[in-house]
Amino acid sequence: MSDLRELYQEIILDHNKQPRNFGRLEDARRADGHNPLCGDQITVYLKMNGDIIEDARFEGAGCAISKASASMMTEAVKGHTVDEVEGLFEGFHRMVTSEPGMLPDVEKLGKLAAFSGVCEFPARVKCASLAWHTLRAAIEEAKTPVSTE
């Protein structure tokens, strides 16, 4: 398990240092999110084709967990339907809020399982889930910013 935890940490650090899909997406749905506790701020952009997310990008600043989560989330949702993304959100949220020691559903979550250790640090759950809540707001075209408080 120690080797797996080290691999997960490397994945998170890599996505923090070199975030994928970072930058504005013109002519797209967007939503803003803020985690006042940590200071994380994020904007999620989505290009939709019906109920399929064709492209996803983000901008913002925050802690390593927040930025890596947004980076990996944008990779995970591209090409998926809103219903599939909702299922992914539910699995991710269940994982980060579960009891420590629970094994993540790697088959369903893929690389997102790297965040399984977040459940051991309840204050970091909001950091890991901010991008996901902001994604939901962008899908719904919500006008008010998302806050984790």
Protein backbone atom coordinates (compact mmCIF):
# COMPACT_ATOMS: atom_id res chain seq x y z
CA MET A 1 0.00 0.00 0.00
CA SER A 2 2.95 2.31 0.64
CA ASP A 3 4.06 2.05 -3.01
CA LEU A 4 0.53 2.83 -4.17
CA ARG A 5 0.32 5.86 -1.88
CA GLU A 6 3.66 7.14 -3.27
CA LEU A 7 2.39 6.70 -6.82
CA TYR A 8 -0.79 8.60 -5.97
CA GLN A 9 1.26 11.43 -4.45
CA GLU A 10 3.42 11.60 -7.59
CA ILE A 11 0.32 11.83 -9.80
CA ILE A 12 -1.11 14.67 -7.71
CA LEU A 13 2.21 16.55 -7.63
CA ASP A 14 2.59 16.16 -11.40
CA HIS A 15 -0.88 17.57 -12.08
CA ASN A 16 -0.21 20.44 -9.69
CA LYS A 17 3.09 21.38 -11.35
CA GLN A 18 1.89 20.77 -14.91
CA PRO A 19 -1.88 21.12 -14.92
CA ARG A 20 -3.65 19.79 -17.97
CA ASN A 21 -6.37 21.80 -19.69
CA PHE A 22 -5.35 25.00 -17.90
CA GLY A 23 -6.61 28.18 -19.53
CA ARG A 24 -9.67 29.97 -20.77
CA LEU A 25 -12.07 28.38 -23.22
CA GLU A 26 -13.87 30.94 -25.38
CA ASP A 27 -17.58 30.69 -26.19
CA ALA A 28 -18.13 28.15 -23.44
CA ARG A 29 -20.28 27.65 -20.38
CA ARG A 30 -18.47 28.77 -17.26
CA ALA A 31 -18.80 28.80 -13.51
CA ASP A 32 -16.69 30.23 -10.72
CA GLY A 33 -15.87 28.51 -7.45
CA HIS A 34 -14.21 29.60 -4.23
CA ASN A 35 -12.98 27.84 -1.11
CA PRO A 36 -12.68 30.61 1.52
CA LEU A 37 -10.99 28.31 4.03
CA CYS A 38 -8.01 27.60 1.78
CA GLY A 39 -8.24 30.53 -0.63
CA ASP A 40 -8.71 28.29 -3.69
CA GLN A 41 -10.39 30.04 -6.64
CA ILE A 42 -11.33 28.32 -9.86
CA THR A 43 -13.25 28.93 -13.06
CA VAL A 44 -14.42 25.91 -15.04
CA TYR A 45 -15.20 26.20 -18.76
CA LEU A 46 -17.21 23.65 -20.74
CA LYS A 47 -17.97 23.17 -24.42
CA MET A 48 -21.12 21.11 -24.70
CA ASN A 49 -22.64 19.26 -27.65
CA GLY A 50 -26.09 18.35 -26.42
CA ASP A 51 -25.44 16.50 -23.17
CA ILE A 52 -21.84 15.57 -24.05
CA ILE A 53 -18.90 17.52 -22.66
CA GLU A 54 -16.68 18.02 -25.70
CA ASP A 55 -14.03 20.09 -23.94
CA ALA A 56 -13.27 21.18 -20.40
CA ARG A 57 -10.71 23.66 -19.13
CA PHE A 58 -10.06 25.59 -15.96
CA GLU A 59 -8.30 28.67 -14.64
CA GLY A 60 -7.51 29.69 -11.12
CA ALA A 61 -5.16 29.38 -8.23
CA GLY A 62 -5.11 27.25 -5.16
CA CYS A 63 -3.40 24.53 -3.22
CA ALA A 64 -1.86 21.46 -4.85
CA ILE A 65 -4.90 19.28 -4.12
CA SER A 66 -7.30 21.81 -5.65
CA LYS A 67 -5.28 22.38 -8.81
CA ALA A 68 -4.51 18.70 -9.35
CA SER A 69 -8.16 17.81 -8.84
CA ALA A 70 -9.26 20.35 -11.45
CA SER A 71 -6.61 19.13 -13.89
CA MET A 72 -7.53 15.48 -13.52
CA MET A 73 -11.26 16.24 -13.53
CA THR A 74 -11.05 18.04 -16.88
CA GLU A 75 -9.25 15.04 -18.36
CA ALA A 76 -11.79 12.61 -16.94
CA VAL A 77 -14.97 14.32 -18.14
CA LYS A 78 -14.12 15.05 -21.78
CA GLY A 79 -16.27 13.05 -24.17
CA HIS A 80 -18.71 11.93 -21.48
CA THR A 81 -22.40 12.64 -21.05
CA VAL A 82 -23.75 14.72 -18.20
CA ASP A 83 -25.19 11.54 -16.62
CA GLU A 84 -21.82 9.76 -16.82
CA VAL A 85 -20.10 12.78 -15.30
CA GLU A 86 -22.67 12.88 -12.49
CA GLY A 87 -21.87 9.24 -11.71
CA LEU A 88 -18.16 10.07 -11.72
CA PHE A 89 -18.78 13.02 -9.37
CA GLU A 90 -20.73 10.80 -6.99
CA GLY A 91 -18.00 8.15 -6.97
CA PHE A 92 -15.29 10.77 -6.43
CA HIS A 93 -17.22 12.47 -3.63
CA ARG A 94 -17.98 9.14 -1.95
CA MET A 95 -14.27 8.26 -2.09
CA VAL A 96 -12.97 11.53 -0.58
CA THR A 97 -15.58 11.47 2.19
CA SER A 98 -15.29 7.75 3.01
CA GLU A 99 -13.71 6.18 6.05
CA PRO A 100 -9.91 6.06 5.85
CA GLY A 101 -8.64 2.71 4.61
CA MET A 102 -11.52 2.07 2.19
CA LEU A 103 -10.24 0.98 -1.19
CA PRO A 104 -11.25 3.26 -4.07
CA ASP A 105 -13.19 1.96 -7.06
CA VAL A 106 -10.23 2.16 -9.44
CA GLU A 107 -12.22 0.61 -12.30
CA LYS A 108 -14.74 3.46 -12.16
CA LEU A 109 -12.46 6.31 -11.07
CA GLY A 110 -9.22 5.50 -12.87
CA LYS A 111 -6.47 8.00 -12.04
CA LEU A 112 -8.89 9.95 -9.86
CA ALA A 113 -8.31 7.21 -7.26
CA ALA A 114 -5.11 9.14 -6.48
CA PHE A 115 -7.29 11.31 -4.23
CA SER A 116 -8.34 8.39 -2.02
CA GLY A 117 -6.02 9.57 0.77
CA VAL A 118 -7.88 12.89 1.05
CA CYS A 119 -10.47 11.23 3.30
CA GLU A 120 -7.79 11.10 6.01
CA PHE A 121 -7.70 14.92 6.04
CA PRO A 122 -11.27 16.25 6.29
CA ALA A 123 -10.19 19.87 5.80
CA ARG A 124 -8.81 18.91 2.36
CA VAL A 125 -12.07 17.39 1.10
CA LYS A 126 -13.27 20.87 0.11
CA CYS A 127 -10.02 21.45 -1.78
CA ALA A 128 -10.43 18.22 -3.73
CA SER A 129 -14.13 18.69 -4.48
CA LEU A 130 -14.22 22.42 -5.36
CA ALA A 131 -13.58 21.82 -9.07
CA TRP A 132 -16.29 19.15 -9.15
CA HIS A 133 -18.92 21.40 -7.57
CA THR A 134 -17.91 24.17 -9.97
CA LEU A 135 -18.21 21.72 -12.89
CA ARG A 136 -21.77 20.94 -11.82
CA ALA A 137 -22.55 24.66 -11.72
CA ALA A 138 -21.16 25.10 -15.25
CA ILE A 139 -23.27 22.20 -16.53
CA GLU A 140 -26.36 23.76 -14.95
CA GLU A 141 -25.33 27.24 -16.18
CA ALA A 142 -25.68 28.55 -12.63
CA LYS A 143 -25.25 32.30 -12.26
CA THR A 144 -24.04 32.40 -8.67
CA PRO A 145 -20.49 31.37 -7.77
CA VAL A 146 -19.94 28.09 -5.95
CA SER A 147 -18.60 28.27 -2.40
CA THR A 148 -17.46 25.38 -0.25
CA GLU A 149 -18.66 27.19 2.88
